[in-house]
Amino acid sequence: APDILNSCTKSINKKKIDLDFLRIEKDAFKFCPD
């Protein structure tokens, strides 16, 4: 499932820390297979 890995890697590369939480980047994550 390389497409899952690619989408998740891109979303983590643009992650942001928000207080005690980690936000992954939604524009990349939305292309991830459900």
PDB file of all heavy atoms in Angstrom:
ATOM      1  N   ALA A   1       0.838  -1.212   0.000  1.00  0.00           N
ATOM      2  CA  ALA A   1       0.000   0.000   0.000  1.00  0.00           C
ATOM      3  C   ALA A   1       0.866   1.253   0.000  1.00  0.00           C
ATOM      4  O   ALA A   1       0.786   2.087   0.919  1.00  0.00           O
ATOM      5  CB  ALA A   1      -0.941  -0.013   1.208  1.00  0.00           C
ATOM      6  N   PRO A   2       1.715   1.444  -1.020  1.00  0.00           N
ATOM      7  CA  PRO A   2       2.623   2.593  -1.032  1.00  0.00           C
ATOM      8  C   PRO A   2       1.909   3.937  -1.094  1.00  0.00           C
ATOM      9  O   PRO A   2       2.449   4.953  -0.644  1.00  0.00           O
ATOM     10  CB  PRO A   2       3.464   2.355  -2.284  1.00  0.00           C
ATOM     11  CG  PRO A   2       2.642   1.439  -3.141  1.00  0.00           C
ATOM     12  CD  PRO A   2       1.895   0.575  -2.198  1.00  0.00           C
ATOM     13  N   ASP A   3       0.689   3.973  -1.673  1.00  0.00           N
ATOM     14  CA  ASP A   3      -0.046   5.243  -1.734  1.00  0.00           C
ATOM     15  C   ASP A   3      -0.405   5.746  -0.341  1.00  0.00           C
ATOM     16  O   ASP A   3      -0.394   6.957  -0.086  1.00  0.00           O
ATOM     17  CB  ASP A   3      -1.305   5.100  -2.592  1.00  0.00           C
ATOM     18  CG  ASP A   3      -2.141   3.866  -2.243  1.00  0.00           C
ATOM     19  OD1 ASP A   3      -1.657   2.996  -1.497  1.00  0.00           O
ATOM     20  OD2 ASP A   3      -3.279   3.762  -2.747  1.00  0.00           O
ATOM     21  N   ILE A   4      -0.715   4.817   0.581  1.00  0.00           N
ATOM     22  CA  ILE A   4      -0.984   5.220   1.967  1.00  0.00           C
ATOM     23  C   ILE A   4       0.272   5.810   2.589  1.00  0.00           C
ATOM     24  O   ILE A   4       0.232   6.871   3.230  1.00  0.00           O
ATOM     25  CB  ILE A   4      -1.485   4.022   2.802  1.00  0.00           C
ATOM     26  CG1 ILE A   4      -2.832   3.538   2.286  1.00  0.00           C
ATOM     27  CG2 ILE A   4      -1.578   4.390   4.284  1.00  0.00           C
ATOM     28  CD1 ILE A   4      -3.341   2.292   2.984  1.00  0.00           C
ATOM     29  N   LEU A   5       1.387   5.141   2.395  1.00  0.00           N
ATOM     30  CA  LEU A   5       2.648   5.603   2.957  1.00  0.00           C
ATOM     31  C   LEU A   5       3.024   6.980   2.411  1.00  0.00           C
ATOM     32  O   LEU A   5       3.444   7.865   3.172  1.00  0.00           O
ATOM     33  CB  LEU A   5       3.758   4.599   2.668  1.00  0.00           C
ATOM     34  CG  LEU A   5       5.136   4.914   3.249  1.00  0.00           C
ATOM     35  CD1 LEU A   5       5.075   5.020   4.759  1.00  0.00           C
ATOM     36  CD2 LEU A   5       6.143   3.845   2.826  1.00  0.00           C
ATOM     37  N   ASN A   6       2.835   7.190   1.123  1.00  0.00           N
ATOM     38  CA  ASN A   6       3.190   8.472   0.519  1.00  0.00           C
ATOM     39  C   ASN A   6       2.342   9.615   1.079  1.00  0.00           C
ATOM     40  O   ASN A   6       2.869  10.675   1.437  1.00  0.00           O
ATOM     41  CB  ASN A   6       3.022   8.397  -1.003  1.00  0.00           C
ATOM     42  CG  ASN A   6       4.061   7.502  -1.660  1.00  0.00           C
ATOM     43  OD1 ASN A   6       5.132   7.274  -1.095  1.00  0.00           O
ATOM     44  ND2 ASN A   6       3.748   6.985  -2.831  1.00  0.00           N
ATOM     45  N   SER A   7       1.038   9.413   1.154  1.00  0.00           N
ATOM     46  CA  SER A   7       0.149  10.462   1.671  1.00  0.00           C
ATOM     47  C   SER A   7       0.442  10.777   3.132  1.00  0.00           C
ATOM     48  O   SER A   7       0.495  11.939   3.537  1.00  0.00           O
ATOM     49  CB  SER A   7      -1.317  10.042   1.521  1.00  0.00           C
ATOM     50  OG  SER A   7      -1.692   9.991   0.176  1.00  0.00           O
ATOM     51  N   CYS A   8       0.646   9.733   3.934  1.00  0.00           N
ATOM     52  CA  CYS A   8       0.898   9.940   5.361  1.00  0.00           C
ATOM     53  C   CYS A   8       2.249  10.609   5.593  1.00  0.00           C
ATOM     54  O   CYS A   8       2.386  11.474   6.464  1.00  0.00           O
ATOM     55  CB  CYS A   8       0.828   8.608   6.103  1.00  0.00           C
ATOM     56  SG  CYS A   8      -0.852   7.922   6.211  1.00  0.00           S
ATOM     57  N   THR A   9       3.255  10.229   4.804  1.00  0.00           N
ATOM     58  CA  THR A   9       4.575  10.854   4.942  1.00  0.00           C
ATOM     59  C   THR A   9       4.500  12.342   4.629  1.00  0.00           C
ATOM     60  O   THR A   9       5.062  13.177   5.356  1.00  0.00           O
ATOM     61  CB  THR A   9       5.588  10.173   4.003  1.00  0.00           C
ATOM     62  OG1 THR A   9       5.684   8.787   4.351  1.00  0.00           O
ATOM     63  CG2 THR A   9       6.965  10.815   4.133  1.00  0.00           C
ATOM     64  N   LYS A  10       3.794  12.704   3.556  1.00  0.00           N
ATOM     65  CA  LYS A  10       3.643  14.119   3.198  1.00  0.00           C
ATOM     66  C   LYS A  10       2.891  14.885   4.281  1.00  0.00           C
ATOM     67  O   LYS A  10       3.241  16.031   4.608  1.00  0.00           O
ATOM     68  CB  LYS A  10       2.906  14.239   1.866  1.00  0.00           C
ATOM     69  CG  LYS A  10       3.715  13.794   0.670  1.00  0.00           C
ATOM     70  CD  LYS A  10       2.884  13.863  -0.606  1.00  0.00           C
ATOM     71  CE  LYS A  10       3.680  13.362  -1.809  1.00  0.00           C
ATOM     72  NZ  LYS A  10       2.858  13.370  -3.061  1.00  0.00           N
ATOM     73  N   SER A  11       1.869  14.270   4.865  1.00  0.00           N
ATOM     74  CA  SER A  11       1.083  14.972   5.886  1.00  0.00           C
ATOM     75  C   SER A  11       1.889  15.176   7.163  1.00  0.00           C
ATOM     76  O   SER A  11       1.718  16.174   7.867  1.00  0.00           O
ATOM     77  CB  SER A  11      -0.203  14.199   6.197  1.00  0.00           C
ATOM     78  OG  SER A  11       0.061  12.961   6.819  1.00  0.00           O
ATOM     79  N   ILE A  12       2.807  14.243   7.464  1.00  0.00           N
ATOM     80  CA  ILE A  12       3.657  14.380   8.652  1.00  0.00           C
ATOM     81  C   ILE A  12       4.778  15.389   8.411  1.00  0.00           C
ATOM     82  O   ILE A  12       5.166  16.132   9.324  1.00  0.00           O
ATOM     83  CB  ILE A  12       4.222  13.010   9.061  1.00  0.00           C
ATOM     84  CG1 ILE A  12       3.123  12.164   9.693  1.00  0.00           C
ATOM     85  CG2 ILE A  12       5.382  13.162  10.054  1.00  0.00           C
ATOM     86  CD1 ILE A  12       3.558  10.773  10.056  1.00  0.00           C
ATOM     87  N   ASN A  13       5.274  15.457   7.199  1.00  0.00           N
ATOM     88  CA  ASN A  13       6.347  16.408   6.899  1.00  0.00           C
ATOM     89  C   ASN A  13       5.910  17.854   7.131  1.00  0.00           C
ATOM     90  O   ASN A  13       6.750  18.737   7.350  1.00  0.00           O
ATOM     91  CB  ASN A  13       6.823  16.234   5.454  1.00  0.00           C
ATOM     92  CG  ASN A  13       7.637  14.963   5.260  1.00  0.00           C
ATOM     93  OD1 ASN A  13       8.126  14.381   6.223  1.00  0.00           O
ATOM     94  ND2 ASN A  13       7.758  14.514   4.017  1.00  0.00           N
ATOM     95  N   LYS A  14       4.600  18.087   7.080  1.00  0.00           N
ATOM     96  CA  LYS A  14       4.072  19.441   7.290  1.00  0.00           C
ATOM     97  C   LYS A  14       3.263  19.533   8.583  1.00  0.00           C
ATOM     98  O   LYS A  14       2.402  20.396   8.728  1.00  0.00           O
ATOM     99  CB  LYS A  14       3.208  19.849   6.103  1.00  0.00           C
ATOM    100  CG  LYS A  14       3.966  19.924   4.784  1.00  0.00           C
ATOM    101  CD  LYS A  14       3.044  20.328   3.641  1.00  0.00           C
ATOM    102  CE  LYS A  14       3.788  20.382   2.317  1.00  0.00           C
ATOM    103  NZ  LYS A  14       2.888  20.779   1.195  1.00  0.00           N
ATOM    104  N   LYS A  15       3.550  18.658   9.524  1.00  0.00           N
ATOM    105  CA  LYS A  15       2.809  18.648  10.779  1.00  0.00           C
ATOM    106  C   LYS A  15       3.082  19.908  11.603  1.00  0.00           C
ATOM    107  O   LYS A  15       4.093  20.593  11.419  1.00  0.00           O
ATOM    108  CB  LYS A  15       3.176  17.409  11.606  1.00  0.00           C
ATOM    109  CG  LYS A  15       4.602  17.396  12.128  1.00  0.00           C
ATOM    110  CD  LYS A  15       4.888  16.101  12.866  1.00  0.00           C
ATOM    111  CE  LYS A  15       6.289  16.038  13.458  1.00  0.00           C
ATOM    112  NZ  LYS A  15       7.340  16.058  12.435  1.00  0.00           N
ATOM    113  N   LYS A  16       2.161  20.199  12.525  1.00  0.00           N
ATOM    114  CA  LYS A  16       2.298  21.360  13.402  1.00  0.00           C
ATOM    115  C   LYS A  16       1.966  20.951  14.835  1.00  0.00           C
ATOM    116  O   LYS A  16       1.054  20.157  15.071  1.00  0.00           O
ATOM    117  CB  LYS A  16       1.358  22.483  12.965  1.00  0.00           C
ATOM    118  CG  LYS A  16       1.702  23.098  11.613  1.00  0.00           C
ATOM    119  CD  LYS A  16       0.743  24.229  11.269  1.00  0.00           C
ATOM    120  CE  LYS A  16       1.084  24.838   9.904  1.00  0.00           C
ATOM    121  NZ  LYS A  16       0.138  25.917   9.537  1.00  0.00           N
ATOM    122  N   ILE A  17       2.718  21.501  15.769  1.00  0.00           N
ATOM    123  CA  ILE A  17       2.416  21.300  17.189  1.00  0.00           C
ATOM    124  C   ILE A  17       1.448  22.387  17.636  1.00  0.00           C
ATOM    125  O   ILE A  17       1.667  23.574  17.387  1.00  0.00           O
ATOM    126  CB  ILE A  17       3.697  21.350  18.044  1.00  0.00           C
ATOM    127  CG1 ILE A  17       4.669  20.253  17.606  1.00  0.00           C
ATOM    128  CG2 ILE A  17       3.362  21.214  19.525  1.00  0.00           C
ATOM    129  CD1 ILE A  17       4.144  18.852  17.803  1.00  0.00           C
ATOM    130  N   ASP A  18       0.365  21.990  18.258  1.00  0.00           N
ATOM    131  CA  ASP A  18      -0.660  22.915  18.756  1.00  0.00           C
ATOM    132  C   ASP A  18      -0.922  22.576  20.215  1.00  0.00           C
ATOM    133  O   ASP A  18      -1.639  21.630  20.521  1.00  0.00           O
ATOM    134  CB  ASP A  18      -1.927  22.771  17.920  1.00  0.00           C
ATOM    135  CG  ASP A  18      -3.057  23.684  18.393  1.00  0.00           C
ATOM    136  OD1 ASP A  18      -2.832  24.485  19.315  1.00  0.00           O
ATOM    137  OD2 ASP A  18      -4.164  23.595  17.828  1.00  0.00           O
ATOM    138  N   LEU A  19      -0.307  23.343  21.127  1.00  0.00           N
ATOM    139  CA  LEU A  19      -0.384  23.048  22.564  1.00  0.00           C
ATOM    140  C   LEU A  19       0.105  21.620  22.799  1.00  0.00           C
ATOM    141  O   LEU A  19       1.232  21.291  22.479  1.00  0.00           O
ATOM    142  CB  LEU A  19      -1.817  23.262  23.066  1.00  0.00           C
ATOM    143  CG  LEU A  19      -2.359  24.694  22.928  1.00  0.00           C
ATOM    144  CD1 LEU A  19      -3.815  24.769  23.362  1.00  0.00           C
ATOM    145  CD2 LEU A  19      -1.517  25.689  23.708  1.00  0.00           C
ATOM    146  N   ASP A  20      -0.750  20.749  23.342  1.00  0.00           N
ATOM    147  CA  ASP A  20      -0.354  19.366  23.633  1.00  0.00           C
ATOM    148  C   ASP A  20      -0.700  18.404  22.499  1.00  0.00           C
ATOM    149  O   ASP A  20      -0.657  17.185  22.685  1.00  0.00           O
ATOM    150  CB  ASP A  20      -1.040  18.883  24.917  1.00  0.00           C
ATOM    151  CG  ASP A  20      -0.562  19.637  26.148  1.00  0.00           C
ATOM    152  OD1 ASP A  20       0.609  20.048  26.156  1.00  0.00           O
ATOM    153  OD2 ASP A  20      -1.362  19.824  27.081  1.00  0.00           O
ATOM    154  N   PHE A  21      -1.016  18.942  21.328  1.00  0.00           N
ATOM    155  CA  PHE A  21      -1.510  18.110  20.242  1.00  0.00           C
ATOM    156  C   PHE A  21      -0.608  18.240  19.017  1.00  0.00           C
ATOM    157  O   PHE A  21       0.090  19.234  18.836  1.00  0.00           O
ATOM    158  CB  PHE A  21      -2.942  18.509  19.873  1.00  0.00           C
ATOM    159  CG  PHE A  21      -3.853  18.625  21.059  1.00  0.00           C
ATOM    160  CD1 PHE A  21      -4.220  19.865  21.553  1.00  0.00           C
ATOM    161  CD2 PHE A  21      -4.327  17.493  21.703  1.00  0.00           C
ATOM    162  CE1 PHE A  21      -5.052  19.984  22.658  1.00  0.00           C
ATOM    163  CE2 PHE A  21      -5.159  17.593  22.799  1.00  0.00           C
ATOM    164  CZ  PHE A  21      -5.521  18.842  23.286  1.00  0.00           C
ATOM    165  N   LEU A  22      -0.663  17.216  18.148  1.00  0.00           N
ATOM    166  CA  LEU A  22       0.064  17.239  16.894  1.00  0.00           C
ATOM    167  C   LEU A  22      -0.952  17.198  15.760  1.00  0.00           C
ATOM    168  O   LEU A  22      -1.747  16.263  15.656  1.00  0.00           O
ATOM    169  CB  LEU A  22       1.016  16.042  16.799  1.00  0.00           C
ATOM    170  CG  LEU A  22       2.000  16.032  15.628  1.00  0.00           C
ATOM    171  CD1 LEU A  22       3.263  15.260  16.005  1.00  0.00           C
ATOM    172  CD2 LEU A  22       1.377  15.397  14.376  1.00  0.00           C
ATOM    173  N   ARG A  23      -0.916  18.222  14.918  1.00  0.00           N
ATOM    174  CA  ARG A  23      -1.819  18.312  13.780  1.00  0.00           C
ATOM    175  C   ARG A  23      -1.082  17.885  12.514  1.00  0.00           C
ATOM    176  O   ARG A  23      -0.050  18.454  12.186  1.00  0.00           O
ATOM    177  CB  ARG A  23      -2.337  19.739  13.590  1.00  0.00           C
ATOM    178  CG  ARG A  23      -3.229  20.246  14.714  1.00  0.00           C
ATOM    179  CD  ARG A  23      -3.686  21.672  14.422  1.00  0.00           C
ATOM    180  NE  ARG A  23      -4.545  22.171  15.472  1.00  0.00           N
ATOM    181  CZ  ARG A  23      -5.867  21.999  15.508  1.00  0.00           C
ATOM    182  NH1 ARG A  23      -6.463  21.334  14.502  1.00  0.00           N
ATOM    183  NH2 ARG A  23      -6.587  22.482  16.495  1.00  0.00           N
ATOM    184  N   ILE A  24      -1.619  16.893  11.816  1.00  0.00           N
ATOM    185  CA  ILE A  24      -1.046  16.514  10.533  1.00  0.00           C
ATOM    186  C   ILE A  24      -1.669  17.392   9.445  1.00  0.00           C
ATOM    187  O   ILE A  24      -2.767  17.931   9.613  1.00  0.00           O
ATOM    188  CB  ILE A  24      -1.257  15.021  10.237  1.00  0.00           C
ATOM    189  CG1 ILE A  24      -2.754  14.673  10.194  1.00  0.00           C
ATOM    190  CG2 ILE A  24      -0.548  14.168  11.272  1.00  0.00           C
ATOM    191  CD1 ILE A  24      -3.021  13.236   9.826  1.00  0.00           C
ATOM    192  N   GLU A  25      -0.958  17.535   8.331  1.00  0.00           N
ATOM    193  CA  GLU A  25      -1.387  18.446   7.273  1.00  0.00           C
ATOM    194  C   GLU A  25      -2.543  17.833   6.483  1.00  0.00           C
ATOM    195  O   GLU A  25      -2.431  16.735   5.928  1.00  0.00           O
ATOM    196  CB  GLU A  25      -0.196  18.733   6.354  1.00  0.00           C
ATOM    197  CG  GLU A  25      -0.305  20.037   5.595  1.00  0.00           C
ATOM    198  CD  GLU A  25      -1.085  19.867   4.304  1.00  0.00           C
ATOM    199  OE1 GLU A  25      -0.975  18.794   3.676  1.00  0.00           O
ATOM    200  OE2 GLU A  25      -1.810  20.799   3.938  1.00  0.00           O
ATOM    201  N   LYS A  26      -3.678  18.536   6.451  1.00  0.00           N
ATOM    202  CA  LYS A  26      -4.907  17.935   5.931  1.00  0.00           C
ATOM    203  C   LYS A  26      -4.945  17.833   4.412  1.00  0.00           C
ATOM    204  O   LYS A  26      -5.564  16.914   3.857  1.00  0.00           O
ATOM    205  CB  LYS A  26      -6.133  18.691   6.433  1.00  0.00           C
ATOM    206  CG  LYS A  26      -6.256  20.130   5.979  1.00  0.00           C
ATOM    207  CD  LYS A  26      -7.513  20.750   6.570  1.00  0.00           C
ATOM    208  CE  LYS A  26      -7.675  22.196   6.112  1.00  0.00           C
ATOM    209  NZ  LYS A  26      -8.890  22.813   6.701  1.00  0.00           N
ATOM    210  N   ASP A  27      -4.290  18.754   3.679  1.00  0.00           N
ATOM    211  CA  ASP A  27      -4.360  18.705   2.214  1.00  0.00           C
ATOM    212  C   ASP A  27      -3.711  17.448   1.665  1.00  0.00           C
ATOM    213  O   ASP A  27      -4.172  16.880   0.667  1.00  0.00           O
ATOM    214  CB  ASP A  27      -3.707  19.949   1.615  1.00  0.00           C
ATOM    215  CG  ASP A  27      -4.542  21.208   1.843  1.00  0.00           C
ATOM    216  OD1 ASP A  27      -5.764  21.063   2.029  1.00  0.00           O
ATOM    217  OD2 ASP A  27      -3.985  22.313   1.856  1.00  0.00           O
ATOM    218  N   ALA A  28      -2.614  17.005   2.293  1.00  0.00           N
ATOM    219  CA  ALA A  28      -1.986  15.750   1.873  1.00  0.00           C
ATOM    220  C   ALA A  28      -2.777  14.546   2.366  1.00  0.00           C
ATOM    221  O   ALA A  28      -2.951  13.552   1.640  1.00  0.00           O
ATOM    222  CB  ALA A  28      -0.550  15.692   2.386  1.00  0.00           C
ATOM    223  N   PHE A  29      -3.291  14.636   3.595  1.00  0.00           N
ATOM    224  CA  PHE A  29      -3.988  13.499   4.192  1.00  0.00           C
ATOM    225  C   PHE A  29      -5.304  13.190   3.479  1.00  0.00           C
ATOM    226  O   PHE A  29      -5.744  12.034   3.451  1.00  0.00           O
ATOM    227  CB  PHE A  29      -4.237  13.774   5.681  1.00  0.00           C
ATOM    228  CG  PHE A  29      -4.646  12.561   6.474  1.00  0.00           C
ATOM    229  CD1 PHE A  29      -3.784  11.493   6.642  1.00  0.00           C
ATOM    230  CD2 PHE A  29      -5.904  12.488   7.054  1.00  0.00           C
ATOM    231  CE1 PHE A  29      -4.160  10.364   7.378  1.00  0.00           C
ATOM    232  CE2 PHE A  29      -6.293  11.376   7.800  1.00  0.00           C
ATOM    233  CZ  PHE A  29      -5.414  10.317   7.951  1.00  0.00           C
ATOM    234  N   LYS A  30      -5.932  14.194   2.887  1.00  0.00           N
ATOM    235  CA  LYS A  30      -7.234  13.950   2.247  1.00  0.00           C
ATOM    236  C   LYS A  30      -7.127  13.024   1.036  1.00  0.00           C
ATOM    237  O   LYS A  30      -8.115  12.417   0.617  1.00  0.00           O
ATOM    238  CB  LYS A  30      -7.889  15.269   1.851  1.00  0.00           C
ATOM    239  CG  LYS A  30      -7.251  15.992   0.695  1.00  0.00           C
ATOM    240  CD  LYS A  30      -7.970  17.311   0.427  1.00  0.00           C
ATOM    241  CE  LYS A  30      -7.312  18.081  -0.720  1.00  0.00           C
ATOM    242  NZ  LYS A  30      -7.966  19.394  -0.924  1.00  0.00           N
ATOM    243  N   PHE A  31      -5.916  12.895   0.460  1.00  0.00           N
ATOM    244  CA  PHE A  31      -5.729  11.990  -0.672  1.00  0.00           C
ATOM    245  C   PHE A  31      -5.419  10.560  -0.226  1.00  0.00           C
ATOM    246  O   PHE A  31      -5.260   9.662  -1.058  1.00  0.00           O
ATOM    247  CB  PHE A  31      -4.609  12.505  -1.583  1.00  0.00           C
ATOM    248  CG  PHE A  31      -4.947  13.790  -2.274  1.00  0.00           C
ATOM    249  CD1 PHE A  31      -4.351  14.975  -1.890  1.00  0.00           C
ATOM    250  CD2 PHE A  31      -5.881  13.812  -3.295  1.00  0.00           C
ATOM    251  CE1 PHE A  31      -4.673  16.161  -2.523  1.00  0.00           C
ATOM    252  CE2 PHE A  31      -6.208  14.992  -3.940  1.00  0.00           C
ATOM    253  CZ  PHE A  31      -5.605  16.179  -3.558  1.00  0.00           C
ATOM    254  N   CYS A  32      -5.320  10.349   1.074  1.00  0.00           N
ATOM    255  CA  CYS A  32      -5.003   9.020   1.585  1.00  0.00           C
ATOM    256  C   CYS A  32      -6.214   8.097   1.421  1.00  0.00           C
ATOM    257  O   CYS A  32      -7.344   8.489   1.734  1.00  0.00           O
ATOM    258  CB  CYS A  32      -4.629   9.124   3.061  1.00  0.00           C
ATOM    259  SG  CYS A  32      -3.748   7.685   3.666  1.00  0.00           S
ATOM    260  N   PRO A  33      -6.038   6.867   0.931  1.00  0.00           N
ATOM    261  CA  PRO A  33      -7.170   5.943   0.792  1.00  0.00           C
ATOM    262  C   PRO A  33      -7.854   5.686   2.132  1.00  0.00           C
ATOM    263  O   PRO A  33      -7.202   5.610   3.176  1.00  0.00           O
ATOM    264  CB  PRO A  33      -6.506   4.669   0.259  1.00  0.00           C
ATOM    265  CG  PRO A  33      -5.248   5.128  -0.387  1.00  0.00           C
ATOM    266  CD  PRO A  33      -4.776   6.304   0.419  1.00  0.00           C
ATOM    267  N   ASP A  34      -9.166   5.567   2.083  1.00  0.00           N
ATOM    268  CA  ASP A  34      -9.972   5.256   3.266  1.00  0.00           C
ATOM    269  C   ASP A  34     -10.093   3.734   3.332  1.00  0.00           C
ATOM    270  O   ASP A  34     -10.979   3.141   2.724  1.00  0.00           O
ATOM    271  CB  ASP A  34     -11.342   5.916   3.119  1.00  0.00           C
ATOM    272  CG  ASP A  34     -12.213   5.755   4.352  1.00  0.00           C
ATOM    273  OD1 ASP A  34     -11.843   4.966   5.236  1.00  0.00           O
ATOM    274  OD2 ASP A  34     -13.254   6.416   4.433  1.00  0.00           O
TER     275      ASP A  34
END
